[in-house]
Amino acid sequence: MGDASICINCGRAVADLQQKFCPACGQPTPVHPIDWHFLGHELEHSVLHMDRGILYSLKELMLRPGHLIRGYLEGRRAKQVKPLLLLMISAAAVVLLGKYLLGGDLLGSAMQAGFSESGAMQPGSGVDPAVAMGTFNMVKDWINAHLTAVTLFLLPFEAAAFWLAFRGRGLNYPEWLVVTAFLTVQTFVFMALAILVRKWVPHAQEWSVALASLYAVFSLVQLFRNHSVWTTALRTLVGLGGFMLVQGLITLAAAYVFVAMTH
């Protein structure tokens, strides 16, 4: 693997053979050959290590969400997985569970309940129920097939809704993108749990949305611990309501696009 006294990446001399990283470029020193021991070590420390890995971040996010988010915003990030990476991993886990346990229909029952209660399906709405249901199924299938992409697309809108709802609390828009990413990971955790217990709890998927919203309130109350609990809770609900409105408008626009493409 090269001369152990020289950084294999940038060529700088290694002053201490016991050091773990090159001070110039950050390359691990000395470089270890890729073997079973190396792969096991990487798995342990990159994924499963409870002091610095995904499981640790998920545990803290679900048990002490406000403290974890505050620590990340303030710069205490050594033990934490980056929020965007955590979001994508949790989304992938939900997609995988949905594929094998729900036949790929991740949002079916939750979306179906909301759509059935919407004006489009009510008598006198002027909309052909068959056309409305066909459009709904097309939009639903597309979201199921592109859940991660849809989540990343909607993330800036949700962050903007919270940023507006919490004006004056000292967080800028990029910081709200980070907070929203963590809250979205929580949503995926509840979705995954709902998928796992759906066999015994028929309406678990619908309830997971409500539970995720309540947990967002709890998380932000803990994050803004020096402010009024009720004011923070109200602002959280305003932010969630604003985002749901925007999400509904985007979904409606997508439905019109699908209709236009099929006619």
C-alpha atoms as a PDB file:
ATOM      1  CA  MET A   1       0.000   0.000   0.000  1.00  0.00           C
ATOM      2  CA  GLY A   2       2.982   2.351  -0.423  1.00  0.00           C
ATOM      3  CA  ASP A   3       5.485   3.932   1.944  1.00  0.00           C
ATOM      4  CA  ALA A   4       3.900   4.328   5.399  1.00  0.00           C
ATOM      5  CA  SER A   5       6.079   7.391   6.071  1.00  0.00           C
ATOM      6  CA  ILE A   6       4.511   9.377   3.220  1.00  0.00           C
ATOM      7  CA  CYS A   7       0.850  10.291   2.651  1.00  0.00           C
ATOM      8  CA  ILE A   8      -0.228   8.259  -0.352  1.00  0.00           C
ATOM      9  CA  ASN A   9      -2.700  10.980  -1.391  1.00  0.00           C
ATOM     10  CA  CYS A  10      -0.693  14.239  -1.314  1.00  0.00           C
ATOM     11  CA  GLY A  11       2.887  13.058  -0.755  1.00  0.00           C
ATOM     12  CA  ARG A  12       3.417  14.914   2.532  1.00  0.00           C
ATOM     13  CA  ALA A  13       5.794  13.264   4.996  1.00  0.00           C
ATOM     14  CA  VAL A  14       4.058  11.564   7.914  1.00  0.00           C
ATOM     15  CA  ALA A  15       5.701  12.930  11.056  1.00  0.00           C
ATOM     16  CA  ASP A  16       4.215  10.357  13.414  1.00  0.00           C
ATOM     17  CA  LEU A  17       3.517   6.819  12.244  1.00  0.00           C
ATOM     18  CA  GLN A  18       0.818   6.564  14.946  1.00  0.00           C
ATOM     19  CA  GLN A  19      -1.249   9.426  13.549  1.00  0.00           C
ATOM     20  CA  LYS A  20      -4.564   8.519  11.937  1.00  0.00           C
ATOM     21  CA  PHE A  21      -4.936  11.257   9.320  1.00  0.00           C
ATOM     22  CA  CYS A  22      -2.675  13.398   7.152  1.00  0.00           C
ATOM     23  CA  PRO A  23      -2.752  17.003   8.503  1.00  0.00           C
ATOM     24  CA  ALA A  24      -2.578  18.389   4.970  1.00  0.00           C
ATOM     25  CA  CYS A  25      -5.377  16.555   3.131  1.00  0.00           C
ATOM     26  CA  GLY A  26      -7.154  14.391   5.711  1.00  0.00           C
ATOM     27  CA  GLN A  27      -6.184  11.096   4.065  1.00  0.00           C
ATOM     28  CA  PRO A  28      -6.210   8.181   6.559  1.00  0.00           C
ATOM     29  CA  THR A  29      -2.675   7.123   7.494  1.00  0.00           C
ATOM     30  CA  PRO A  30      -1.441   4.544   7.237  1.00  0.00           C
ATOM     31  CA  VAL A  31      -3.583   3.160   4.403  1.00  0.00           C
ATOM     32  CA  HIS A  32      -4.915  -0.312   5.127  1.00  0.00           C
ATOM     33  CA  PRO A  33      -5.411  -2.947   2.430  1.00  0.00           C
ATOM     34  CA  ILE A  34      -8.993  -3.817   1.567  1.00  0.00           C
ATOM     35  CA  ASP A  35      -9.708  -7.173   3.171  1.00  0.00           C
ATOM     36  CA  TRP A  36     -12.428  -8.688   5.370  1.00  0.00           C
ATOM     37  CA  HIS A  37     -11.082  -6.945   8.458  1.00  0.00           C
ATOM     38  CA  PHE A  38     -11.109  -3.597   6.653  1.00  0.00           C
ATOM     39  CA  LEU A  39     -14.686  -4.093   5.399  1.00  0.00           C
ATOM     40  CA  GLY A  40     -15.906  -5.144   8.852  1.00  0.00           C
ATOM     41  CA  HIS A  41     -14.261  -2.109  10.426  1.00  0.00           C
ATOM     42  CA  GLU A  42     -15.827   0.224   7.850  1.00  0.00           C
ATOM     43  CA  LEU A  43     -19.275  -1.273   8.399  1.00  0.00           C
ATOM     44  CA  GLU A  44     -18.998  -0.940  12.160  1.00  0.00           C
ATOM     45  CA  HIS A  45     -17.758   2.631  12.199  1.00  0.00           C
ATOM     46  CA  SER A  46     -19.727   4.003   9.241  1.00  0.00           C
ATOM     47  CA  VAL A  47     -23.135   2.484   9.887  1.00  0.00           C
ATOM     48  CA  LEU A  48     -23.527   0.508  13.083  1.00  0.00           C
ATOM     49  CA  HIS A  49     -21.243   2.299  15.528  1.00  0.00           C
ATOM     50  CA  MET A  50     -23.526   3.739  18.212  1.00  0.00           C
ATOM     51  CA  ASP A  51     -21.159   6.624  18.952  1.00  0.00           C
ATOM     52  CA  ARG A  52     -21.057   7.863  15.405  1.00  0.00           C
ATOM     53  CA  GLY A  53     -23.560   6.356  13.031  1.00  0.00           C
ATOM     54  CA  ILE A  54     -27.025   6.069  11.660  1.00  0.00           C
ATOM     55  CA  LEU A  55     -28.501   4.164  14.587  1.00  0.00           C
ATOM     56  CA  TYR A  56     -27.174   6.722  17.064  1.00  0.00           C
ATOM     57  CA  SER A  57     -28.589   9.631  15.054  1.00  0.00           C
ATOM     58  CA  LEU A  58     -31.966   7.932  14.674  1.00  0.00           C
ATOM     59  CA  LYS A  59     -32.103   7.122  18.379  1.00  0.00           C
ATOM     60  CA  GLU A  60     -31.348  10.716  19.359  1.00  0.00           C
ATOM     61  CA  LEU A  61     -33.728  12.094  16.735  1.00  0.00           C
ATOM     62  CA  MET A  62     -36.620  10.056  18.098  1.00  0.00           C
ATOM     63  CA  LEU A  63     -35.836  10.376  21.821  1.00  0.00           C
ATOM     64  CA  ARG A  64     -34.248  13.835  22.080  1.00  0.00           C
ATOM     65  CA  PRO A  65     -35.090  15.511  18.752  1.00  0.00           C
ATOM     66  CA  GLY A  66     -34.901  19.125  19.849  1.00  0.00           C
ATOM     67  CA  HIS A  67     -31.556  18.632  21.573  1.00  0.00           C
ATOM     68  CA  LEU A  68     -30.084  16.806  18.565  1.00  0.00           C
ATOM     69  CA  ILE A  69     -31.268  19.500  16.135  1.00  0.00           C
ATOM     70  CA  ARG A  70     -30.020  22.320  18.364  1.00  0.00           C
ATOM     71  CA  GLY A  71     -26.644  20.632  18.731  1.00  0.00           C
ATOM     72  CA  TYR A  72     -26.325  20.186  14.975  1.00  0.00           C
ATOM     73  CA  LEU A  73     -27.241  23.824  14.308  1.00  0.00           C
ATOM     74  CA  GLU A  74     -24.742  25.003  16.916  1.00  0.00           C
ATOM     75  CA  GLY A  75     -21.950  22.937  15.371  1.00  0.00           C
ATOM     76  CA  ARG A  76     -21.814  19.778  17.492  1.00  0.00           C
ATOM     77  CA  ARG A  77     -21.836  17.441  14.488  1.00  0.00           C
ATOM     78  CA  ALA A  78     -18.999  14.974  15.039  1.00  0.00           C
ATOM     79  CA  LYS A  79     -21.308  12.150  16.132  1.00  0.00           C
ATOM     80  CA  GLN A  80     -24.164  12.912  13.753  1.00  0.00           C
ATOM     81  CA  VAL A  81     -24.954  11.659  10.273  1.00  0.00           C
ATOM     82  CA  LYS A  82     -25.623  14.507   7.856  1.00  0.00           C
ATOM     83  CA  PRO A  83     -29.389  15.183   7.756  1.00  0.00           C
ATOM     84  CA  LEU A  84     -29.727  14.884   3.974  1.00  0.00           C
ATOM     85  CA  LEU A  85     -27.925  11.531   3.981  1.00  0.00           C
ATOM     86  CA  LEU A  86     -30.089  10.356   6.879  1.00  0.00           C
ATOM     87  CA  LEU A  87     -33.188  11.456   4.976  1.00  0.00           C
ATOM     88  CA  MET A  88     -32.221   9.562   1.834  1.00  0.00           C
ATOM     89  CA  ILE A  89     -31.365   6.403   3.796  1.00  0.00           C
ATOM     90  CA  SER A  90     -34.652   6.503   5.699  1.00  0.00           C
ATOM     91  CA  ALA A  91     -36.567   7.127   2.462  1.00  0.00           C
ATOM     92  CA  ALA A  92     -34.840   4.140   0.861  1.00  0.00           C
ATOM     93  CA  ALA A  93     -35.758   1.981   3.867  1.00  0.00           C
ATOM     94  CA  VAL A  94     -39.421   3.008   3.585  1.00  0.00           C
ATOM     95  CA  VAL A  95     -39.443   2.312  -0.158  1.00  0.00           C
ATOM     96  CA  LEU A  96     -37.916  -1.120   0.454  1.00  0.00           C
ATOM     97  CA  LEU A  97     -40.461  -1.984   3.149  1.00  0.00           C
ATOM     98  CA  GLY A  98     -43.283  -0.734   0.962  1.00  0.00           C
ATOM     99  CA  LYS A  99     -42.122  -2.784  -1.979  1.00  0.00           C
ATOM    100  CA  TYR A 100     -42.132  -6.066  -0.087  1.00  0.00           C
ATOM    101  CA  LEU A 101     -44.981  -5.508   2.386  1.00  0.00           C
ATOM    102  CA  LEU A 102     -47.363  -3.223   0.466  1.00  0.00           C
ATOM    103  CA  GLY A 103     -46.688  -4.153  -3.120  1.00  0.00           C
ATOM    104  CA  GLY A 104     -45.121  -0.745  -3.692  1.00  0.00           C
ATOM    105  CA  ASP A 105     -48.224   1.228  -2.659  1.00  0.00           C
ATOM    106  CA  LEU A 106     -46.658   3.390   0.046  1.00  0.00           C
ATOM    107  CA  LEU A 107     -49.209   6.180   0.197  1.00  0.00           C
ATOM    108  CA  GLY A 108     -52.308   4.436  -1.070  1.00  0.00           C
ATOM    109  CA  SER A 109     -54.557   4.279   1.986  1.00  0.00           C
ATOM    110  CA  ALA A 110     -53.520   7.662   3.391  1.00  0.00           C
ATOM    111  CA  MET A 111     -53.983   9.437   0.051  1.00  0.00           C
ATOM    112  CA  GLN A 112     -57.185   7.512  -0.642  1.00  0.00           C
ATOM    113  CA  ALA A 113     -58.749   8.702   2.602  1.00  0.00           C
ATOM    114  CA  GLY A 114     -57.933  12.336   1.877  1.00  0.00           C
ATOM    115  CA  PHE A 115     -59.009  12.123  -1.755  1.00  0.00           C
ATOM    116  CA  SER A 116     -62.322  10.440  -0.951  1.00  0.00           C
ATOM    117  CA  GLU A 117     -63.173  13.319   1.386  1.00  0.00           C
ATOM    118  CA  SER A 118     -62.148  15.994  -1.107  1.00  0.00           C
ATOM    119  CA  GLY A 119     -64.566  18.049  -3.154  1.00  0.00           C
ATOM    120  CA  ALA A 120     -63.717  16.165  -6.335  1.00  0.00           C
ATOM    121  CA  MET A 121     -65.556  13.062  -5.133  1.00  0.00           C
ATOM    122  CA  GLN A 122     -68.599  14.806  -3.668  1.00  0.00           C
ATOM    123  CA  PRO A 123     -71.969  14.811  -5.488  1.00  0.00           C
ATOM    124  CA  GLY A 124     -72.514  17.978  -7.479  1.00  0.00           C
ATOM    125  CA  SER A 125     -68.803  18.722  -7.824  1.00  0.00           C
ATOM    126  CA  GLY A 126     -69.104  18.652 -11.609  1.00  0.00           C
ATOM    127  CA  VAL A 127     -66.238  16.167 -11.894  1.00  0.00           C
ATOM    128  CA  ASP A 128     -66.666  12.708 -13.380  1.00  0.00           C
ATOM    129  CA  PRO A 129     -65.780  10.356 -10.462  1.00  0.00           C
ATOM    130  CA  ALA A 130     -64.205   7.846 -12.867  1.00  0.00           C
ATOM    131  CA  VAL A 131     -61.953  10.518 -14.377  1.00  0.00           C
ATOM    132  CA  ALA A 132     -61.090  11.884 -10.918  1.00  0.00           C
ATOM    133  CA  MET A 133     -60.217   8.417  -9.609  1.00  0.00           C
ATOM    134  CA  GLY A 134     -58.138   7.604 -12.686  1.00  0.00           C
ATOM    135  CA  THR A 135     -56.183  10.833 -12.277  1.00  0.00           C
ATOM    136  CA  PHE A 136     -55.725  10.158  -8.568  1.00  0.00           C
ATOM    137  CA  ASN A 137     -54.321   6.699  -9.299  1.00  0.00           C
ATOM    138  CA  MET A 138     -51.866   8.086 -11.852  1.00  0.00           C
ATOM    139  CA  VAL A 139     -50.568  10.722  -9.435  1.00  0.00           C
ATOM    140  CA  LYS A 140     -50.407   8.205  -6.585  1.00  0.00           C
ATOM    141  CA  ASP A 141     -48.480   5.664  -8.672  1.00  0.00           C
ATOM    142  CA  TRP A 142     -46.009   8.315  -9.800  1.00  0.00           C
ATOM    143  CA  ILE A 143     -45.367   9.476  -6.220  1.00  0.00           C
ATOM    144  CA  ASN A 144     -44.937   5.868  -5.062  1.00  0.00           C
ATOM    145  CA  ALA A 145     -42.354   5.313  -7.790  1.00  0.00           C
ATOM    146  CA  HIS A 146     -40.439   8.548  -7.071  1.00  0.00           C
ATOM    147  CA  LEU A 147     -40.885   9.040  -3.320  1.00  0.00           C
ATOM    148  CA  THR A 148     -37.339  10.216  -2.614  1.00  0.00           C
ATOM    149  CA  ALA A 149     -37.348  12.686  -5.519  1.00  0.00           C
ATOM    150  CA  VAL A 150     -40.750  14.053  -4.465  1.00  0.00           C
ATOM    151  CA  THR A 151     -39.539  14.419  -0.870  1.00  0.00           C
ATOM    152  CA  LEU A 152     -36.430  16.349  -1.932  1.00  0.00           C
ATOM    153  CA  PHE A 153     -38.535  18.534  -4.243  1.00  0.00           C
ATOM    154  CA  LEU A 154     -41.000  19.420  -1.475  1.00  0.00           C
ATOM    155  CA  LEU A 155     -38.364  19.952   1.227  1.00  0.00           C
ATOM    156  CA  PRO A 156     -37.631  23.623   0.302  1.00  0.00           C
ATOM    157  CA  PHE A 157     -41.358  24.431   0.383  1.00  0.00           C
ATOM    158  CA  GLU A 158     -41.772  22.932   3.845  1.00  0.00           C
ATOM    159  CA  ALA A 159     -38.674  24.759   5.076  1.00  0.00           C
ATOM    160  CA  ALA A 160     -40.070  28.023   3.681  1.00  0.00           C
ATOM    161  CA  ALA A 161     -43.377  27.441   5.504  1.00  0.00           C
ATOM    162  CA  PHE A 162     -41.578  26.941   8.823  1.00  0.00           C
ATOM    163  CA  TRP A 163     -39.242  29.884   8.171  1.00  0.00           C
ATOM    164  CA  LEU A 164     -42.249  32.171   7.683  1.00  0.00           C
ATOM    165  CA  ALA A 165     -44.108  30.723  10.677  1.00  0.00           C
ATOM    166  CA  PHE A 166     -41.092  31.173  12.974  1.00  0.00           C
ATOM    167  CA  ARG A 167     -39.908  34.597  11.877  1.00  0.00           C
ATOM    168  CA  GLY A 168     -38.059  36.282  14.721  1.00  0.00           C
ATOM    169  CA  ARG A 169     -36.800  33.038  16.311  1.00  0.00           C
ATOM    170  CA  GLY A 170     -33.237  33.502  14.988  1.00  0.00           C
ATOM    171  CA  LEU A 171     -33.028  30.712  12.392  1.00  0.00           C
ATOM    172  CA  ASN A 172     -32.297  31.513   8.765  1.00  0.00           C
ATOM    173  CA  TYR A 173     -33.724  29.666   5.777  1.00  0.00           C
ATOM    174  CA  PRO A 174     -30.735  27.287   5.255  1.00  0.00           C
ATOM    175  CA  GLU A 175     -30.995  26.320   8.927  1.00  0.00           C
ATOM    176  CA  TRP A 176     -34.684  25.561   8.442  1.00  0.00           C
ATOM    177  CA  LEU A 177     -33.749  23.302   5.545  1.00  0.00           C
ATOM    178  CA  VAL A 178     -31.672  21.287   8.028  1.00  0.00           C
ATOM    179  CA  VAL A 179     -34.447  21.272  10.647  1.00  0.00           C
ATOM    180  CA  THR A 180     -37.014  20.213   8.053  1.00  0.00           C
ATOM    181  CA  ALA A 181     -34.768  17.404   6.834  1.00  0.00           C
ATOM    182  CA  PHE A 182     -34.618  16.027  10.383  1.00  0.00           C
ATOM    183  CA  LEU A 183     -38.395  16.326  10.776  1.00  0.00           C
ATOM    184  CA  THR A 184     -38.879  14.507   7.472  1.00  0.00           C
ATOM    185  CA  VAL A 185     -36.690  11.661   8.728  1.00  0.00           C
ATOM    186  CA  GLN A 186     -39.037  11.387  11.711  1.00  0.00           C
ATOM    187  CA  THR A 187     -41.963  11.129   9.276  1.00  0.00           C
ATOM    188  CA  PHE A 188     -40.229   8.267   7.463  1.00  0.00           C
ATOM    189  CA  VAL A 189     -39.636   6.482  10.782  1.00  0.00           C
ATOM    190  CA  PHE A 190     -43.363   6.660  11.555  1.00  0.00           C
ATOM    191  CA  MET A 191     -44.166   5.516   8.009  1.00  0.00           C
ATOM    192  CA  ALA A 192     -41.846   2.516   8.395  1.00  0.00           C
ATOM    193  CA  LEU A 193     -43.422   1.565  11.723  1.00  0.00           C
ATOM    194  CA  ALA A 194     -46.899   1.914  10.205  1.00  0.00           C
ATOM    195  CA  ILE A 195     -45.958  -0.422   7.365  1.00  0.00           C
ATOM    196  CA  LEU A 196     -44.634  -2.995   9.829  1.00  0.00           C
ATOM    197  CA  VAL A 197     -47.774  -3.004  11.997  1.00  0.00           C
ATOM    198  CA  ARG A 198     -50.321  -2.494   9.216  1.00  0.00           C
ATOM    199  CA  LYS A 199     -51.309  -6.166   9.347  1.00  0.00           C
ATOM    200  CA  TRP A 200     -52.545  -5.734  12.925  1.00  0.00           C
ATOM    201  CA  VAL A 201     -53.471  -2.018  12.784  1.00  0.00           C
ATOM    202  CA  PRO A 202     -55.463  -1.419   9.577  1.00  0.00           C
ATOM    203  CA  HIS A 203     -55.380   2.409   9.711  1.00  0.00           C
ATOM    204  CA  ALA A 204     -51.758   2.705  10.812  1.00  0.00           C
ATOM    205  CA  GLN A 205     -50.693   4.557   7.650  1.00  0.00           C
ATOM    206  CA  GLU A 206     -53.269   7.313   8.138  1.00  0.00           C
ATOM    207  CA  TRP A 207     -52.372   7.610  11.811  1.00  0.00           C
ATOM    208  CA  SER A 208     -48.657   7.831  11.028  1.00  0.00           C
ATOM    209  CA  VAL A 209     -49.220  11.213   9.339  1.00  0.00           C
ATOM    210  CA  ALA A 210     -50.963  12.594  12.444  1.00  0.00           C
ATOM    211  CA  LEU A 211     -48.297  11.124  14.736  1.00  0.00           C
ATOM    212  CA  ALA A 212     -45.515  12.659  12.636  1.00  0.00           C
ATOM    213  CA  SER A 213     -47.217  16.069  12.872  1.00  0.00           C
ATOM    214  CA  LEU A 214     -47.580  15.787  16.649  1.00  0.00           C
ATOM    215  CA  TYR A 215     -43.962  14.712  16.948  1.00  0.00           C
ATOM    216  CA  ALA A 216     -42.896  17.730  14.898  1.00  0.00           C
ATOM    217  CA  VAL A 217     -44.647  19.896  17.491  1.00  0.00           C
ATOM    218  CA  PHE A 218     -42.816  18.068  20.289  1.00  0.00           C
ATOM    219  CA  SER A 219     -39.474  18.397  18.464  1.00  0.00           C
ATOM    220  CA  LEU A 220     -39.762  22.140  17.860  1.00  0.00           C
ATOM    221  CA  VAL A 221     -41.021  22.785  21.384  1.00  0.00           C
ATOM    222  CA  GLN A 222     -37.884  21.031  22.619  1.00  0.00           C
ATOM    223  CA  LEU A 223     -35.722  22.940  20.132  1.00  0.00           C
ATOM    224  CA  PHE A 224     -37.103  26.321  21.246  1.00  0.00           C
ATOM    225  CA  ARG A 225     -37.092  25.406  24.929  1.00  0.00           C
ATOM    226  CA  ASN A 226     -36.632  29.027  26.042  1.00  0.00           C
ATOM    227  CA  HIS A 227     -39.841  30.155  24.349  1.00  0.00           C
ATOM    228  CA  SER A 228     -43.505  29.651  25.168  1.00  0.00           C
ATOM    229  CA  VAL A 229     -44.621  26.062  24.584  1.00  0.00           C
ATOM    230  CA  TRP A 230     -48.032  27.100  23.294  1.00  0.00           C
ATOM    231  CA  THR A 231     -46.651  29.761  20.963  1.00  0.00           C
ATOM    232  CA  THR A 232     -44.148  27.293  19.516  1.00  0.00           C
ATOM    233  CA  ALA A 233     -46.851  24.638  19.126  1.00  0.00           C
ATOM    234  CA  LEU A 234     -49.131  27.124  17.341  1.00  0.00           C
ATOM    235  CA  ARG A 235     -46.362  28.271  15.018  1.00  0.00           C
ATOM    236  CA  THR A 236     -45.524  24.646  14.209  1.00  0.00           C
ATOM    237  CA  LEU A 237     -49.141  23.923  13.288  1.00  0.00           C
ATOM    238  CA  VAL A 238     -49.254  27.085  11.155  1.00  0.00           C
ATOM    239  CA  GLY A 239     -46.081  25.977   9.351  1.00  0.00           C
ATOM    240  CA  LEU A 240     -47.436  22.467   8.801  1.00  0.00           C
ATOM    241  CA  GLY A 241     -50.778  23.847   7.609  1.00  0.00           C
ATOM    242  CA  GLY A 242     -49.089  26.205   5.159  1.00  0.00           C
ATOM    243  CA  PHE A 243     -46.960  23.407   3.784  1.00  0.00           C
ATOM    244  CA  MET A 244     -49.943  21.076   3.416  1.00  0.00           C
ATOM    245  CA  LEU A 245     -51.748  23.799   1.480  1.00  0.00           C
ATOM    246  CA  VAL A 246     -48.814  24.241  -0.870  1.00  0.00           C
ATOM    247  CA  GLN A 247     -48.416  20.467  -1.167  1.00  0.00           C
ATOM    248  CA  GLY A 248     -52.095  20.171  -2.085  1.00  0.00           C
ATOM    249  CA  LEU A 249     -51.784  22.864  -4.751  1.00  0.00           C
ATOM    250  CA  ILE A 250     -48.713  21.162  -6.223  1.00  0.00           C
ATOM    251  CA  THR A 251     -50.525  17.809  -6.244  1.00  0.00           C
ATOM    252  CA  LEU A 252     -53.532  19.425  -7.948  1.00  0.00           C
ATOM    253  CA  ALA A 253     -51.249  20.972 -10.556  1.00  0.00           C
ATOM    254  CA  ALA A 254     -49.636  17.578 -11.129  1.00  0.00           C
ATOM    255  CA  ALA A 255     -53.097  16.056 -11.610  1.00  0.00           C
ATOM    256  CA  TYR A 256     -53.924  18.625 -14.285  1.00  0.00           C
ATOM    257  CA  VAL A 257     -50.625  17.834 -16.032  1.00  0.00           C
ATOM    258  CA  PHE A 258     -51.412  14.107 -16.009  1.00  0.00           C
ATOM    259  CA  VAL A 259     -54.885  14.772 -17.416  1.00  0.00           C
ATOM    260  CA  ALA A 260     -53.456  16.995 -20.155  1.00  0.00           C
ATOM    261  CA  MET A 261     -50.879  14.356 -21.073  1.00  0.00           C
ATOM    262  CA  THR A 262     -53.474  11.601 -21.359  1.00  0.00           C
ATOM    263  CA  HIS A 263     -55.996  13.511 -23.466  1.00  0.00           C
END
